[in-house]
């Protein structure tokens, strides 16, 4: 669990930015994947594996960003500060 009490405003802002981007990546990727699967199902087409894998990659990146959110936020804060 991330403890916000010991962070200053810029660190909290960077962390919230990283988490927001990660959640947006996951949501967008899952929506695209669901739309692709629904279109294939409705058209009675064979499911193509490669497009499904490619549309799922941003979700994997988003989960990785959520796992390493604090480190990415610290890097971003250091990059912007100086």
Protein backbone atom coordinates (compact mmCIF):
# COMPACT_ATOMS: atom_id res chain seq x y z
CA UNK A 1 0.00 0.00 0.00
CA UNK A 2 1.30 3.45 -0.88
CA UNK A 3 1.50 5.86 2.05
CA UNK A 4 0.70 9.39 0.93
CA UNK A 5 1.42 10.99 4.33
CA UNK A 6 5.17 11.16 3.78
CA UNK A 7 5.03 12.53 0.23
CA UNK A 8 5.08 16.15 -0.83
CA UNK A 9 2.65 17.58 -3.37
CA UNK A 10 4.83 17.07 -6.45
CA UNK A 11 5.48 13.41 -5.59
CA UNK A 12 1.77 12.78 -5.01
CA UNK A 13 0.94 14.49 -8.29
CA UNK A 14 3.48 12.42 -10.21
CA UNK A 15 2.19 9.23 -8.59
CA UNK A 16 -1.42 10.06 -9.42
CA UNK A 17 -0.42 10.86 -13.01
CA UNK A 18 1.35 7.52 -13.40
CA UNK A 19 -1.57 5.61 -11.87
CA UNK A 20 -4.09 7.46 -14.06
CA UNK A 21 -2.13 6.68 -17.23
CA UNK A 22 -1.79 3.03 -16.21
CA UNK A 23 -5.51 2.68 -15.52
CA UNK A 24 -6.34 4.40 -18.82
CA UNK A 25 -4.05 1.98 -20.69
CA UNK A 26 -5.70 -1.01 -19.04
CA UNK A 27 -9.22 0.26 -19.71
CA UNK A 28 -8.54 1.19 -23.33
CA UNK A 29 -6.86 -2.13 -24.02
CA UNK A 30 -9.64 -4.19 -22.47
CA UNK A 31 -12.29 -2.20 -24.36
CA UNK A 32 -10.47 -2.71 -27.67
CA UNK A 33 -10.04 -6.41 -26.96
CA UNK A 34 -13.73 -6.81 -26.07
CA UNK A 35 -14.79 -4.97 -29.23
CA UNK A 36 -12.54 -7.14 -31.38
CA UNK A 37 -13.82 -10.35 -29.84
CA UNK A 38 -17.43 -9.19 -30.15
CA UNK A 39 -16.97 -8.25 -33.81
CA UNK A 40 -15.38 -11.62 -34.59
CA UNK A 41 -18.16 -13.43 -32.76
CA UNK A 42 -20.94 -11.47 -34.48
CA UNK A 43 -19.42 -11.92 -37.94
CA UNK A 44 -18.91 -15.64 -37.30
CA UNK A 45 -15.26 -15.18 -38.20
CA UNK A 46 -12.40 -17.19 -36.84
CA UNK A 47 -10.69 -15.48 -33.93
CA UNK A 48 -7.28 -14.17 -34.96
CA UNK A 49 -4.75 -14.65 -32.19
CA UNK A 50 -2.16 -12.05 -33.18
CA UNK A 51 -4.53 -9.03 -33.15
CA UNK A 52 -5.85 -10.13 -29.76
CA UNK A 53 -2.32 -10.36 -28.39
CA UNK A 54 -1.40 -6.97 -29.81
CA UNK A 55 -4.51 -5.35 -28.36
CA UNK A 56 -3.76 -6.88 -24.96
CA UNK A 57 -0.20 -5.53 -24.75
CA UNK A 58 -1.19 -2.07 -23.42
CA UNK A 59 -2.99 -3.81 -20.54
CA UNK A 60 0.21 -5.67 -19.67
CA UNK A 61 2.15 -2.39 -19.81
CA UNK A 62 -0.50 -0.75 -17.59
CA UNK A 63 -0.27 -3.51 -14.99
CA UNK A 64 3.51 -3.20 -15.02
CA UNK A 65 3.18 0.56 -14.54
CA UNK A 66 0.86 0.02 -11.56
CA UNK A 67 3.34 -2.40 -10.01
CA UNK A 68 6.26 0.01 -10.46
CA UNK A 69 4.19 3.20 -10.00
CA UNK A 70 6.24 4.62 -7.14
CA UNK A 71 9.58 4.15 -8.94
CA UNK A 72 8.23 5.66 -12.16
CA UNK A 73 6.74 8.59 -10.22
CA UNK A 74 10.04 9.25 -8.45
CA UNK A 75 11.89 9.13 -11.78
CA UNK A 76 9.35 11.50 -13.34
CA UNK A 77 9.54 13.86 -10.37
CA UNK A 78 13.36 13.94 -10.51
CA UNK A 79 13.23 14.47 -14.29
CA UNK A 80 10.85 17.43 -14.00
CA UNK A 81 12.54 19.00 -10.97
CA UNK A 82 15.95 19.29 -12.26
